[in-house]
């Protein structure tokens, strides 16, 4: 990984100033400095290297076209680019919308599970817990994790208060954790 986090913000500000004046080598330096950060954020969200590369390209094209959108007085460039990458990756996920039923999704519970039998038992516990939880909790959980919706979007779609949506999702996650750890 690059030394993006250790670069002084004044160096970033100087590169952005050069970028604003149209110097193409400034974007190349910024790309060399931050591309691995942007790519890794996108890859972590998308779990798809091709889609992460597309997000990487979009983020740097946005920076090239609109360098004034970054304000060095408000923070450092690395974290700003990471947030932009995360938002773009989430947008890509939302456009995908899952094509599978919740019954067909296998959830990895713990990295140290041994063998297919244990994983199958854990997945069955999750499915059983999903069937026994209240409809409102299950639906909120599905909207958040399988449809990629934010808590605010869920509240708007269901007409429920934001706090209620957050509480339902938290309660559903606690119930799933209990079911798996039994």
C-alpha atoms as a PDB file:
ATOM      1  CA  UNK A   1       0.000   0.000   0.000  1.00  0.00           C
ATOM      2  CA  UNK A   2       1.189   3.526  -0.653  1.00  0.00           C
ATOM      3  CA  UNK A   3       2.196   6.045   1.944  1.00  0.00           C
ATOM      4  CA  UNK A   4      -1.017   7.962   1.324  1.00  0.00           C
ATOM      5  CA  UNK A   5      -1.791   8.408   4.995  1.00  0.00           C
ATOM      6  CA  UNK A   6       1.653   9.857   5.745  1.00  0.00           C
ATOM      7  CA  UNK A   7       1.687  12.431   2.949  1.00  0.00           C
ATOM      8  CA  UNK A   8       1.294  15.973   4.246  1.00  0.00           C
ATOM      9  CA  UNK A   9      -1.906  17.690   3.209  1.00  0.00           C
ATOM     10  CA  UNK A  10       0.114  20.657   1.879  1.00  0.00           C
ATOM     11  CA  UNK A  11       1.653  18.354  -0.753  1.00  0.00           C
ATOM     12  CA  UNK A  12      -1.852  17.262  -1.742  1.00  0.00           C
ATOM     13  CA  UNK A  13      -2.997  20.868  -1.890  1.00  0.00           C
ATOM     14  CA  UNK A  14      -0.054  21.692  -4.161  1.00  0.00           C
ATOM     15  CA  UNK A  15      -0.929  18.791  -6.452  1.00  0.00           C
ATOM     16  CA  UNK A  16      -4.574  19.870  -6.555  1.00  0.00           C
ATOM     17  CA  UNK A  17      -3.464  23.410  -7.428  1.00  0.00           C
ATOM     18  CA  UNK A  18      -1.357  22.014 -10.278  1.00  0.00           C
ATOM     19  CA  UNK A  19      -4.312  19.909 -11.368  1.00  0.00           C
ATOM     20  CA  UNK A  20      -6.562  22.969 -11.410  1.00  0.00           C
ATOM     21  CA  UNK A  21      -4.072  24.696 -13.679  1.00  0.00           C
ATOM     22  CA  UNK A  22      -4.338  21.781 -16.110  1.00  0.00           C
ATOM     23  CA  UNK A  23      -1.085  19.923 -15.454  1.00  0.00           C
ATOM     24  CA  UNK A  24      -1.636  16.317 -16.507  1.00  0.00           C
ATOM     25  CA  UNK A  25       1.312  15.000 -14.531  1.00  0.00           C
ATOM     26  CA  UNK A  26      -0.436  16.153 -11.323  1.00  0.00           C
ATOM     27  CA  UNK A  27      -3.242  13.632 -11.828  1.00  0.00           C
ATOM     28  CA  UNK A  28      -0.619  10.957 -12.520  1.00  0.00           C
ATOM     29  CA  UNK A  29       1.093  11.721  -9.208  1.00  0.00           C
ATOM     30  CA  UNK A  30      -2.218  11.707  -7.371  1.00  0.00           C
ATOM     31  CA  UNK A  31      -3.114   8.416  -9.030  1.00  0.00           C
ATOM     32  CA  UNK A  32       0.215   6.878  -8.014  1.00  0.00           C
ATOM     33  CA  UNK A  33      -0.285   8.091  -4.461  1.00  0.00           C
ATOM     34  CA  UNK A  34      -3.942   7.150  -3.903  1.00  0.00           C
ATOM     35  CA  UNK A  35      -5.031   4.556  -6.493  1.00  0.00           C
ATOM     36  CA  UNK A  36      -4.371   1.592  -4.196  1.00  0.00           C
ATOM     37  CA  UNK A  37      -6.458   3.204  -1.437  1.00  0.00           C
ATOM     38  CA  UNK A  38      -9.381   3.964  -3.762  1.00  0.00           C
ATOM     39  CA  UNK A  39      -9.227   0.511  -5.359  1.00  0.00           C
ATOM     40  CA  UNK A  40      -9.086  -1.314  -2.023  1.00  0.00           C
ATOM     41  CA  UNK A  41     -12.103   0.600  -0.671  1.00  0.00           C
ATOM     42  CA  UNK A  42     -14.102  -0.147  -3.821  1.00  0.00           C
ATOM     43  CA  UNK A  43     -13.034  -3.804  -3.835  1.00  0.00           C
ATOM     44  CA  UNK A  44     -13.996  -4.244  -0.193  1.00  0.00           C
ATOM     45  CA  UNK A  45     -17.496  -2.900  -0.862  1.00  0.00           C
ATOM     46  CA  UNK A  46     -18.070  -4.620  -4.211  1.00  0.00           C
ATOM     47  CA  UNK A  47     -16.065  -7.853  -3.888  1.00  0.00           C
ATOM     48  CA  UNK A  48     -15.586  -7.640  -7.668  1.00  0.00           C
ATOM     49  CA  UNK A  49     -12.220  -6.552  -9.095  1.00  0.00           C
ATOM     50  CA  UNK A  50     -13.650  -5.422 -12.425  1.00  0.00           C
ATOM     51  CA  UNK A  51     -16.302  -3.243 -10.797  1.00  0.00           C
ATOM     52  CA  UNK A  52     -13.697  -1.891  -8.340  1.00  0.00           C
ATOM     53  CA  UNK A  53     -11.477  -0.897 -11.283  1.00  0.00           C
ATOM     54  CA  UNK A  54     -14.436   0.937 -12.831  1.00  0.00           C
ATOM     55  CA  UNK A  55     -15.010   2.822  -9.581  1.00  0.00           C
ATOM     56  CA  UNK A  56     -11.292   3.640  -9.412  1.00  0.00           C
ATOM     57  CA  UNK A  57     -11.443   5.112 -12.899  1.00  0.00           C
ATOM     58  CA  UNK A  58     -14.615   7.095 -12.141  1.00  0.00           C
ATOM     59  CA  UNK A  59     -13.172   8.596  -8.959  1.00  0.00           C
ATOM     60  CA  UNK A  60     -10.024   9.825 -10.689  1.00  0.00           C
ATOM     61  CA  UNK A  61     -11.983  11.073 -13.712  1.00  0.00           C
ATOM     62  CA  UNK A  62     -14.165  13.068 -11.313  1.00  0.00           C
ATOM     63  CA  UNK A  63     -11.057  14.504  -9.654  1.00  0.00           C
ATOM     64  CA  UNK A  64      -9.574  15.338 -13.071  1.00  0.00           C
ATOM     65  CA  UNK A  65     -12.751  17.045 -14.300  1.00  0.00           C
ATOM     66  CA  UNK A  66     -13.643  18.795 -11.041  1.00  0.00           C
ATOM     67  CA  UNK A  67     -10.493  19.371  -8.960  1.00  0.00           C
ATOM     68  CA  UNK A  68     -12.214  22.290  -7.219  1.00  0.00           C
ATOM     69  CA  UNK A  69     -14.576  19.860  -5.481  1.00  0.00           C
ATOM     70  CA  UNK A  70     -11.757  19.022  -3.047  1.00  0.00           C
ATOM     71  CA  UNK A  71     -11.177  21.649  -0.354  1.00  0.00           C
ATOM     72  CA  UNK A  72      -7.876  21.120   1.495  1.00  0.00           C
ATOM     73  CA  UNK A  73      -9.101  23.304   4.373  1.00  0.00           C
ATOM     74  CA  UNK A  74     -11.780  20.715   5.191  1.00  0.00           C
ATOM     75  CA  UNK A  75      -9.546  17.650   5.358  1.00  0.00           C
ATOM     76  CA  UNK A  76      -6.968  15.459   3.690  1.00  0.00           C
ATOM     77  CA  UNK A  77      -7.244  14.131   0.161  1.00  0.00           C
ATOM     78  CA  UNK A  78      -6.790  10.434   0.992  1.00  0.00           C
ATOM     79  CA  UNK A  79      -9.804  10.114   3.277  1.00  0.00           C
ATOM     80  CA  UNK A  80     -11.864  12.289   0.920  1.00  0.00           C
ATOM     81  CA  UNK A  81     -11.074   9.993  -2.013  1.00  0.00           C
ATOM     82  CA  UNK A  82     -11.847   6.936   0.131  1.00  0.00           C
ATOM     83  CA  UNK A  83     -15.295   8.324   0.965  1.00  0.00           C
ATOM     84  CA  UNK A  84     -15.961   9.136  -2.700  1.00  0.00           C
ATOM     85  CA  UNK A  85     -14.903   5.590  -3.661  1.00  0.00           C
ATOM     86  CA  UNK A  86     -17.136   4.054  -0.998  1.00  0.00           C
ATOM     87  CA  UNK A  87     -20.141   6.097  -2.128  1.00  0.00           C
ATOM     88  CA  UNK A  88     -19.558   5.192  -5.779  1.00  0.00           C
ATOM     89  CA  UNK A  89     -19.199   1.508  -4.899  1.00  0.00           C
ATOM     90  CA  UNK A  90     -22.434   1.574  -2.893  1.00  0.00           C
ATOM     91  CA  UNK A  91     -24.155   3.208  -5.864  1.00  0.00           C
ATOM     92  CA  UNK A  92     -22.938   0.329  -8.040  1.00  0.00           C
ATOM     93  CA  UNK A  93     -24.310  -2.176  -5.515  1.00  0.00           C
ATOM     94  CA  UNK A  94     -27.675  -0.449  -5.456  1.00  0.00           C
ATOM     95  CA  UNK A  95     -27.914  -0.592  -9.230  1.00  0.00           C
ATOM     96  CA  UNK A  96     -27.245  -4.348  -9.146  1.00  0.00           C
ATOM     97  CA  UNK A  97     -30.170  -5.253  -6.844  1.00  0.00           C
ATOM     98  CA  UNK A  98     -29.877  -8.870  -5.814  1.00  0.00           C
ATOM     99  CA  UNK A  99     -31.491 -11.489  -8.014  1.00  0.00           C
ATOM    100  CA  UNK A 100     -31.534 -14.241  -5.395  1.00  0.00           C
ATOM    101  CA  UNK A 101     -34.085 -15.082  -2.758  1.00  0.00           C
ATOM    102  CA  UNK A 102     -33.052 -14.788   0.876  1.00  0.00           C
ATOM    103  CA  UNK A 103     -33.490 -18.587   1.134  1.00  0.00           C
ATOM    104  CA  UNK A 104     -30.662 -19.132  -1.369  1.00  0.00           C
ATOM    105  CA  UNK A 105     -28.100 -16.861   0.303  1.00  0.00           C
ATOM    106  CA  UNK A 106     -25.388 -18.554   2.334  1.00  0.00           C
ATOM    107  CA  UNK A 107     -23.935 -16.351   5.042  1.00  0.00           C
ATOM    108  CA  UNK A 108     -20.370 -16.824   6.256  1.00  0.00           C
ATOM    109  CA  UNK A 109     -20.626 -16.677  10.006  1.00  0.00           C
ATOM    110  CA  UNK A 110     -17.138 -17.290  11.279  1.00  0.00           C
ATOM    111  CA  UNK A 111     -13.792 -17.765   9.558  1.00  0.00           C
ATOM    112  CA  UNK A 112     -12.833 -20.704  11.760  1.00  0.00           C
ATOM    113  CA  UNK A 113     -15.785 -22.970  10.957  1.00  0.00           C
ATOM    114  CA  UNK A 114     -14.506 -26.331   9.871  1.00  0.00           C
ATOM    115  CA  UNK A 115     -16.083 -28.329   7.113  1.00  0.00           C
ATOM    116  CA  UNK A 116     -19.169 -28.039   4.987  1.00  0.00           C
ATOM    117  CA  UNK A 117     -21.354 -29.676   7.629  1.00  0.00           C
ATOM    118  CA  UNK A 118     -20.693 -26.940  10.187  1.00  0.00           C
ATOM    119  CA  UNK A 119     -21.234 -24.205   7.607  1.00  0.00           C
ATOM    120  CA  UNK A 120     -24.464 -25.829   6.510  1.00  0.00           C
ATOM    121  CA  UNK A 121     -25.668 -26.035  10.130  1.00  0.00           C
ATOM    122  CA  UNK A 122     -24.798 -22.382  10.712  1.00  0.00           C
ATOM    123  CA  UNK A 123     -26.618 -21.324   7.535  1.00  0.00           C
ATOM    124  CA  UNK A 124     -29.641 -23.375   8.593  1.00  0.00           C
ATOM    125  CA  UNK A 125     -29.632 -21.660  11.992  1.00  0.00           C
ATOM    126  CA  UNK A 126     -29.628 -18.273  10.256  1.00  0.00           C
ATOM    127  CA  UNK A 127     -32.492 -19.290   7.959  1.00  0.00           C
ATOM    128  CA  UNK A 128     -34.506 -20.664  10.885  1.00  0.00           C
ATOM    129  CA  UNK A 129     -33.895 -17.497  12.878  1.00  0.00           C
ATOM    130  CA  UNK A 130     -34.999 -15.358   9.920  1.00  0.00           C
ATOM    131  CA  UNK A 131     -38.262 -17.339   9.743  1.00  0.00           C
ATOM    132  CA  UNK A 132     -38.995 -16.961  13.456  1.00  0.00           C
ATOM    133  CA  UNK A 133     -38.266 -13.260  13.840  1.00  0.00           C
ATOM    134  CA  UNK A 134     -41.074 -10.712  13.547  1.00  0.00           C
ATOM    135  CA  UNK A 135     -41.922  -9.735   9.958  1.00  0.00           C
ATOM    136  CA  UNK A 136     -40.998  -6.066  10.503  1.00  0.00           C
ATOM    137  CA  UNK A 137     -37.528  -6.997  11.805  1.00  0.00           C
ATOM    138  CA  UNK A 138     -36.871  -9.499   9.031  1.00  0.00           C
ATOM    139  CA  UNK A 139     -38.016  -7.079   6.323  1.00  0.00           C
ATOM    140  CA  UNK A 140     -35.849  -4.236   7.677  1.00  0.00           C
ATOM    141  CA  UNK A 141     -32.856  -6.578   7.826  1.00  0.00           C
ATOM    142  CA  UNK A 142     -33.451  -7.837   4.278  1.00  0.00           C
ATOM    143  CA  UNK A 143     -33.807  -4.297   2.934  1.00  0.00           C
ATOM    144  CA  UNK A 144     -30.536  -3.247   4.597  1.00  0.00           C
ATOM    145  CA  UNK A 145     -28.368  -6.257   3.856  1.00  0.00           C
ATOM    146  CA  UNK A 146     -29.820  -7.850   0.749  1.00  0.00           C
ATOM    147  CA  UNK A 147     -31.097  -4.772  -1.058  1.00  0.00           C
ATOM    148  CA  UNK A 148     -28.295  -2.429   0.053  1.00  0.00           C
ATOM    149  CA  UNK A 149     -30.628   0.254   1.378  1.00  0.00           C
ATOM    150  CA  UNK A 150     -29.598   2.753   4.039  1.00  0.00           C
ATOM    151  CA  UNK A 151     -31.548   3.117   7.261  1.00  0.00           C
ATOM    152  CA  UNK A 152     -32.948   6.414   5.987  1.00  0.00           C
ATOM    153  CA  UNK A 153     -34.111   4.829   2.728  1.00  0.00           C
ATOM    154  CA  UNK A 154     -35.780   2.007   4.640  1.00  0.00           C
ATOM    155  CA  UNK A 155     -37.561   4.492   6.901  1.00  0.00           C
ATOM    156  CA  UNK A 156     -38.782   6.452   3.883  1.00  0.00           C
ATOM    157  CA  UNK A 157     -40.013   3.340   2.059  1.00  0.00           C
ATOM    158  CA  UNK A 158     -41.743   1.786   5.066  1.00  0.00           C
ATOM    159  CA  UNK A 159     -43.051   5.018   6.574  1.00  0.00           C
ATOM    160  CA  UNK A 160     -41.530   4.066   9.940  1.00  0.00           C
ATOM    161  CA  UNK A 161     -39.430   6.446  12.091  1.00  0.00           C
ATOM    162  CA  UNK A 162     -35.670   6.174  11.543  1.00  0.00           C
ATOM    163  CA  UNK A 163     -35.095   5.121  15.167  1.00  0.00           C
ATOM    164  CA  UNK A 164     -37.604   2.299  14.796  1.00  0.00           C
ATOM    165  CA  UNK A 165     -35.839   1.024  11.671  1.00  0.00           C
ATOM    166  CA  UNK A 166     -32.448   1.119  13.405  1.00  0.00           C
ATOM    167  CA  UNK A 167     -33.840  -0.689  16.453  1.00  0.00           C
ATOM    168  CA  UNK A 168     -35.426  -3.401  14.311  1.00  0.00           C
ATOM    169  CA  UNK A 169     -32.226  -4.030  12.373  1.00  0.00           C
ATOM    170  CA  UNK A 170     -30.151  -4.142  15.557  1.00  0.00           C
ATOM    171  CA  UNK A 171     -32.616  -6.534  17.223  1.00  0.00           C
ATOM    172  CA  UNK A 172     -32.591  -8.771  14.130  1.00  0.00           C
ATOM    173  CA  UNK A 173     -28.776  -8.886  14.120  1.00  0.00           C
ATOM    174  CA  UNK A 174     -28.725  -9.745  17.827  1.00  0.00           C
ATOM    175  CA  UNK A 175     -31.248 -12.542  17.199  1.00  0.00           C
ATOM    176  CA  UNK A 176     -29.118 -13.919  14.341  1.00  0.00           C
ATOM    177  CA  UNK A 177     -25.981 -13.801  16.487  1.00  0.00           C
ATOM    178  CA  UNK A 178     -27.772 -15.689  19.282  1.00  0.00           C
ATOM    179  CA  UNK A 179     -29.072 -18.305  16.851  1.00  0.00           C
ATOM    180  CA  UNK A 180     -25.625 -18.954  15.407  1.00  0.00           C
ATOM    181  CA  UNK A 181     -23.855 -19.070  18.767  1.00  0.00           C
ATOM    182  CA  UNK A 182     -26.307 -21.557  20.315  1.00  0.00           C
END
